[in-house]
Amino acid sequence: MELHNLKPAKGSVKTTSKRLGRGEATGNGGTAGRGHKGAKSRSGYSRKIGFEGGQMPLQRRVPKFGFTNPNRVEYQTINLDRLQELVDHKLITDSVDFGTLHAMDQVNKNLPLKVLGRGELKAKLKVSAHKFSASAKSAIEAAGGEAITI
């Protein structure tokens, strides 16, 4: 390698940007591609989010209704039939908790877990979760297992 062989790494140098306002001969002098007059031609211009040129913006035209509870808790769910599948594939044996389900990529660690009662559970399982539906809790206990609320 010699000095005359050196060049920048591929993709590190961008040469596609126009050099605006560098004289009439460049083709981008004068107004520098901004057109004549108006707010968009001025320095420091930034259009407000949702601005529609003075027309009443969409977020103000559309009617508002209802109520959004700021304290609502979003749960991620797992059903009994999915737990039974994990038992059938021998991924869980006697107990299952939030940590083991997260390790198996069945649940996200940032949301609380609720066990729902769809399907049938035949295995005797000790299940730990943040919440249980009434049908899930009764099905787990009917199979001889235990439903533990974290």
C-alpha atoms as a PDB file:
ATOM      1  CA  MET A   1       0.000   0.000   0.000  1.00  0.00           C
ATOM      2  CA  GLU A   2       1.290   3.419  -0.991  1.00  0.00           C
ATOM      3  CA  LEU A   3       0.030   6.960  -0.492  1.00  0.00           C
ATOM      4  CA  HIS A   4      -1.367   7.158  -4.025  1.00  0.00           C
ATOM      5  CA  ASN A   5      -3.439   3.958  -3.407  1.00  0.00           C
ATOM      6  CA  LEU A   6      -5.303   5.310  -0.353  1.00  0.00           C
ATOM      7  CA  LYS A   7      -9.005   6.009  -0.669  1.00  0.00           C
ATOM      8  CA  PRO A   8     -11.898   6.162   1.804  1.00  0.00           C
ATOM      9  CA  ALA A   9     -13.853   3.015   2.706  1.00  0.00           C
ATOM     10  CA  LYS A  10     -16.743   2.233   0.385  1.00  0.00           C
ATOM     11  CA  GLY A  11     -19.938   4.016   1.479  1.00  0.00           C
ATOM     12  CA  SER A  12     -18.186   6.333   3.948  1.00  0.00           C
ATOM     13  CA  VAL A  13     -18.137   9.385   1.665  1.00  0.00           C
ATOM     14  CA  LYS A  14     -21.338  10.851   0.250  1.00  0.00           C
ATOM     15  CA  THR A  15     -20.797  12.958  -2.854  1.00  0.00           C
ATOM     16  CA  THR A  16     -24.445  13.223  -3.928  1.00  0.00           C
ATOM     17  CA  SER A  17     -25.334  16.354  -1.889  1.00  0.00           C
ATOM     18  CA  LYS A  18     -25.921  19.559  -3.876  1.00  0.00           C
ATOM     19  CA  ARG A  19     -23.851  22.597  -2.877  1.00  0.00           C
ATOM     20  CA  LEU A  20     -26.580  25.210  -2.800  1.00  0.00           C
ATOM     21  CA  GLY A  21     -26.141  28.975  -3.010  1.00  0.00           C
ATOM     22  CA  ARG A  22     -22.622  28.929  -4.477  1.00  0.00           C
ATOM     23  CA  GLY A  23     -23.157  31.263  -7.417  1.00  0.00           C
ATOM     24  CA  GLU A  24     -25.283  31.388 -10.553  1.00  0.00           C
ATOM     25  CA  ALA A  25     -22.868  29.268 -12.596  1.00  0.00           C
ATOM     26  CA  THR A  26     -23.548  26.199 -10.451  1.00  0.00           C
ATOM     27  CA  GLY A  27     -27.253  26.210 -11.359  1.00  0.00           C
ATOM     28  CA  ASN A  28     -28.139  26.320  -7.649  1.00  0.00           C
ATOM     29  CA  GLY A  29     -27.349  29.948  -6.860  1.00  0.00           C
ATOM     30  CA  GLY A  30     -29.745  32.814  -6.143  1.00  0.00           C
ATOM     31  CA  THR A  31     -32.677  31.260  -4.339  1.00  0.00           C
ATOM     32  CA  ALA A  32     -30.750  27.974  -3.769  1.00  0.00           C
ATOM     33  CA  GLY A  33     -33.646  25.797  -4.936  1.00  0.00           C
ATOM     34  CA  ARG A  34     -36.128  27.312  -2.440  1.00  0.00           C
ATOM     35  CA  GLY A  35     -38.193  29.304  -4.930  1.00  0.00           C
ATOM     36  CA  HIS A  36     -39.208  32.949  -4.446  1.00  0.00           C
ATOM     37  CA  LYS A  37     -40.597  34.435  -1.221  1.00  0.00           C
ATOM     38  CA  GLY A  38     -42.915  32.744   1.304  1.00  0.00           C
ATOM     39  CA  ALA A  39     -42.224  31.041   4.612  1.00  0.00           C
ATOM     40  CA  LYS A  40     -40.473  28.054   3.018  1.00  0.00           C
ATOM     41  CA  SER A  41     -37.829  30.294   1.469  1.00  0.00           C
ATOM     42  CA  ARG A  42     -36.808  31.803   4.814  1.00  0.00           C
ATOM     43  CA  SER A  43     -34.110  30.513   7.116  1.00  0.00           C
ATOM     44  CA  GLY A  44     -35.391  29.038  10.362  1.00  0.00           C
ATOM     45  CA  TYR A  45     -38.653  27.859   8.817  1.00  0.00           C
ATOM     46  CA  SER A  46     -40.133  24.673  10.237  1.00  0.00           C
ATOM     47  CA  ARG A  47     -43.689  23.585   9.494  1.00  0.00           C
ATOM     48  CA  LYS A  48     -45.732  22.647  12.538  1.00  0.00           C
ATOM     49  CA  ILE A  49     -46.799  18.994  12.771  1.00  0.00           C
ATOM     50  CA  GLY A  50     -50.292  18.589  11.337  1.00  0.00           C
ATOM     51  CA  PHE A  51     -50.277  22.023   9.635  1.00  0.00           C
ATOM     52  CA  GLU A  52     -52.360  22.002   6.443  1.00  0.00           C
ATOM     53  CA  GLY A  53     -51.706  25.443   5.017  1.00  0.00           C
ATOM     54  CA  GLY A  54     -54.301  27.209   7.165  1.00  0.00           C
ATOM     55  CA  GLN A  55     -57.066  24.681   6.457  1.00  0.00           C
ATOM     56  CA  MET A  56     -58.565  23.200   9.623  1.00  0.00           C
ATOM     57  CA  PRO A  57     -56.246  20.236  10.377  1.00  0.00           C
ATOM     58  CA  LEU A  58     -57.559  16.678  10.327  1.00  0.00           C
ATOM     59  CA  GLN A  59     -56.977  16.108  14.047  1.00  0.00           C
ATOM     60  CA  ARG A  60     -59.282  19.088  14.768  1.00  0.00           C
ATOM     61  CA  ARG A  61     -61.935  18.213  12.153  1.00  0.00           C
ATOM     62  CA  VAL A  62     -62.512  14.643  13.327  1.00  0.00           C
ATOM     63  CA  PRO A  63     -64.904  14.296  16.293  1.00  0.00           C
ATOM     64  CA  LYS A  64     -63.535  13.100  19.600  1.00  0.00           C
ATOM     65  CA  PHE A  65     -65.448  10.692  21.818  1.00  0.00           C
ATOM     66  CA  GLY A  66     -64.924   8.030  24.435  1.00  0.00           C
ATOM     67  CA  PHE A  67     -62.535   7.753  27.320  1.00  0.00           C
ATOM     68  CA  THR A  68     -59.007   6.373  27.557  1.00  0.00           C
ATOM     69  CA  ASN A  69     -58.117   5.046  30.983  1.00  0.00           C
ATOM     70  CA  PRO A  70     -54.555   6.209  31.806  1.00  0.00           C
ATOM     71  CA  ASN A  71     -54.213   3.427  34.424  1.00  0.00           C
ATOM     72  CA  ARG A  72     -55.117   0.549  32.078  1.00  0.00           C
ATOM     73  CA  VAL A  73     -52.807  -2.458  32.412  1.00  0.00           C
ATOM     74  CA  GLU A  74     -52.043  -4.312  29.167  1.00  0.00           C
ATOM     75  CA  TYR A  75     -51.558  -8.070  29.732  1.00  0.00           C
ATOM     76  CA  GLN A  76     -49.962 -10.578  27.425  1.00  0.00           C
ATOM     77  CA  THR A  77     -51.793 -13.882  27.379  1.00  0.00           C
ATOM     78  CA  ILE A  78     -51.055 -17.561  27.169  1.00  0.00           C
ATOM     79  CA  ASN A  79     -53.729 -20.240  26.923  1.00  0.00           C
ATOM     80  CA  LEU A  80     -53.945 -23.667  28.556  1.00  0.00           C
ATOM     81  CA  ASP A  81     -53.677 -25.429  25.181  1.00  0.00           C
ATOM     82  CA  ARG A  82     -50.283 -23.726  24.611  1.00  0.00           C
ATOM     83  CA  LEU A  83     -49.092 -24.880  28.055  1.00  0.00           C
ATOM     84  CA  GLN A  84     -50.244 -28.417  27.195  1.00  0.00           C
ATOM     85  CA  GLU A  85     -48.247 -28.242  23.913  1.00  0.00           C
ATOM     86  CA  LEU A  86     -45.120 -27.268  25.868  1.00  0.00           C
ATOM     87  CA  VAL A  87     -45.704 -30.252  28.190  1.00  0.00           C
ATOM     88  CA  ASP A  88     -46.224 -32.571  25.193  1.00  0.00           C
ATOM     89  CA  HIS A  89     -42.943 -31.400  23.638  1.00  0.00           C
ATOM     90  CA  LYS A  90     -41.254 -31.937  27.053  1.00  0.00           C
ATOM     91  CA  LEU A  91     -40.190 -28.293  27.309  1.00  0.00           C
ATOM     92  CA  ILE A  92     -41.819 -28.006  30.760  1.00  0.00           C
ATOM     93  CA  THR A  93     -42.393 -30.806  33.257  1.00  0.00           C
ATOM     94  CA  ASP A  94     -43.938 -29.946  36.619  1.00  0.00           C
ATOM     95  CA  SER A  95     -43.812 -26.160  37.097  1.00  0.00           C
ATOM     96  CA  VAL A  96     -43.899 -23.141  34.811  1.00  0.00           C
ATOM     97  CA  ASP A  97     -43.329 -19.493  35.701  1.00  0.00           C
ATOM     98  CA  PHE A  98     -42.774 -16.176  33.964  1.00  0.00           C
ATOM     99  CA  GLY A  99     -38.978 -16.644  33.797  1.00  0.00           C
ATOM    100  CA  THR A 100     -39.120 -20.052  32.099  1.00  0.00           C
ATOM    101  CA  LEU A 101     -41.700 -18.826  29.557  1.00  0.00           C
ATOM    102  CA  HIS A 102     -39.519 -15.806  28.803  1.00  0.00           C
ATOM    103  CA  ALA A 103     -36.473 -18.049  28.359  1.00  0.00           C
ATOM    104  CA  MET A 104     -38.479 -20.079  25.789  1.00  0.00           C
ATOM    105  CA  ASP A 105     -39.505 -16.843  23.946  1.00  0.00           C
ATOM    106  CA  GLN A 106     -43.181 -17.436  24.721  1.00  0.00           C
ATOM    107  CA  VAL A 107     -43.643 -14.101  26.529  1.00  0.00           C
ATOM    108  CA  ASN A 108     -42.194 -10.591  26.577  1.00  0.00           C
ATOM    109  CA  LYS A 109     -40.426  -9.583  29.811  1.00  0.00           C
ATOM    110  CA  ASN A 110     -41.940  -6.058  29.828  1.00  0.00           C
ATOM    111  CA  LEU A 111     -45.636  -6.975  30.103  1.00  0.00           C
ATOM    112  CA  PRO A 112     -47.449  -8.889  32.867  1.00  0.00           C
ATOM    113  CA  LEU A 113     -48.774 -12.364  32.035  1.00  0.00           C
ATOM    114  CA  LYS A 114     -52.361 -13.596  32.207  1.00  0.00           C
ATOM    115  CA  VAL A 115     -53.264 -17.271  31.780  1.00  0.00           C
ATOM    116  CA  LEU A 116     -56.498 -17.856  29.865  1.00  0.00           C
ATOM    117  CA  GLY A 117     -58.670 -20.974  29.809  1.00  0.00           C
ATOM    118  CA  ARG A 118     -58.855 -21.918  26.109  1.00  0.00           C
ATOM    119  CA  GLY A 119     -58.122 -25.587  25.496  1.00  0.00           C
ATOM    120  CA  GLU A 120     -57.586 -28.472  27.883  1.00  0.00           C
ATOM    121  CA  LEU A 121     -54.816 -29.076  30.392  1.00  0.00           C
ATOM    122  CA  LYS A 122     -54.127 -32.712  31.257  1.00  0.00           C
ATOM    123  CA  ALA A 123     -50.773 -32.295  33.015  1.00  0.00           C
ATOM    124  CA  LYS A 124     -50.412 -31.540  36.719  1.00  0.00           C
ATOM    125  CA  LEU A 125     -48.680 -28.143  36.624  1.00  0.00           C
ATOM    126  CA  LYS A 126     -47.666 -25.537  39.155  1.00  0.00           C
ATOM    127  CA  VAL A 127     -48.289 -22.322  37.168  1.00  0.00           C
ATOM    128  CA  SER A 128     -47.057 -18.892  38.331  1.00  0.00           C
ATOM    129  CA  ALA A 129     -48.441 -15.792  36.560  1.00  0.00           C
ATOM    130  CA  HIS A 130     -49.592 -12.258  37.274  1.00  0.00           C
ATOM    131  CA  LYS A 131     -53.271 -13.092  36.667  1.00  0.00           C
ATOM    132  CA  PHE A 132     -55.556 -16.018  35.853  1.00  0.00           C
ATOM    133  CA  SER A 133     -58.984 -16.153  34.295  1.00  0.00           C
ATOM    134  CA  ALA A 134     -61.535 -18.008  36.428  1.00  0.00           C
ATOM    135  CA  SER A 135     -61.818 -20.832  33.873  1.00  0.00           C
ATOM    136  CA  ALA A 136     -58.019 -21.231  33.662  1.00  0.00           C
ATOM    137  CA  LYS A 137     -57.636 -21.352  37.445  1.00  0.00           C
ATOM    138  CA  SER A 138     -60.364 -23.986  37.804  1.00  0.00           C
ATOM    139  CA  ALA A 139     -58.931 -26.078  34.915  1.00  0.00           C
ATOM    140  CA  ILE A 140     -55.422 -26.041  36.431  1.00  0.00           C
ATOM    141  CA  GLU A 141     -56.744 -27.068  39.846  1.00  0.00           C
ATOM    142  CA  ALA A 142     -59.007 -29.723  38.283  1.00  0.00           C
ATOM    143  CA  ALA A 143     -55.913 -31.283  36.664  1.00  0.00           C
ATOM    144  CA  GLY A 144     -54.286 -31.472  40.122  1.00  0.00           C
ATOM    145  CA  GLY A 145     -52.047 -28.451  39.614  1.00  0.00           C
ATOM    146  CA  GLU A 146     -51.648 -25.157  41.406  1.00  0.00           C
ATOM    147  CA  ALA A 147     -52.262 -21.584  40.169  1.00  0.00           C
ATOM    148  CA  ILE A 148     -49.975 -19.107  41.946  1.00  0.00           C
ATOM    149  CA  THR A 149     -50.525 -15.348  41.479  1.00  0.00           C
ATOM    150  CA  ILE A 150     -47.246 -13.417  41.463  1.00  0.00           C
END
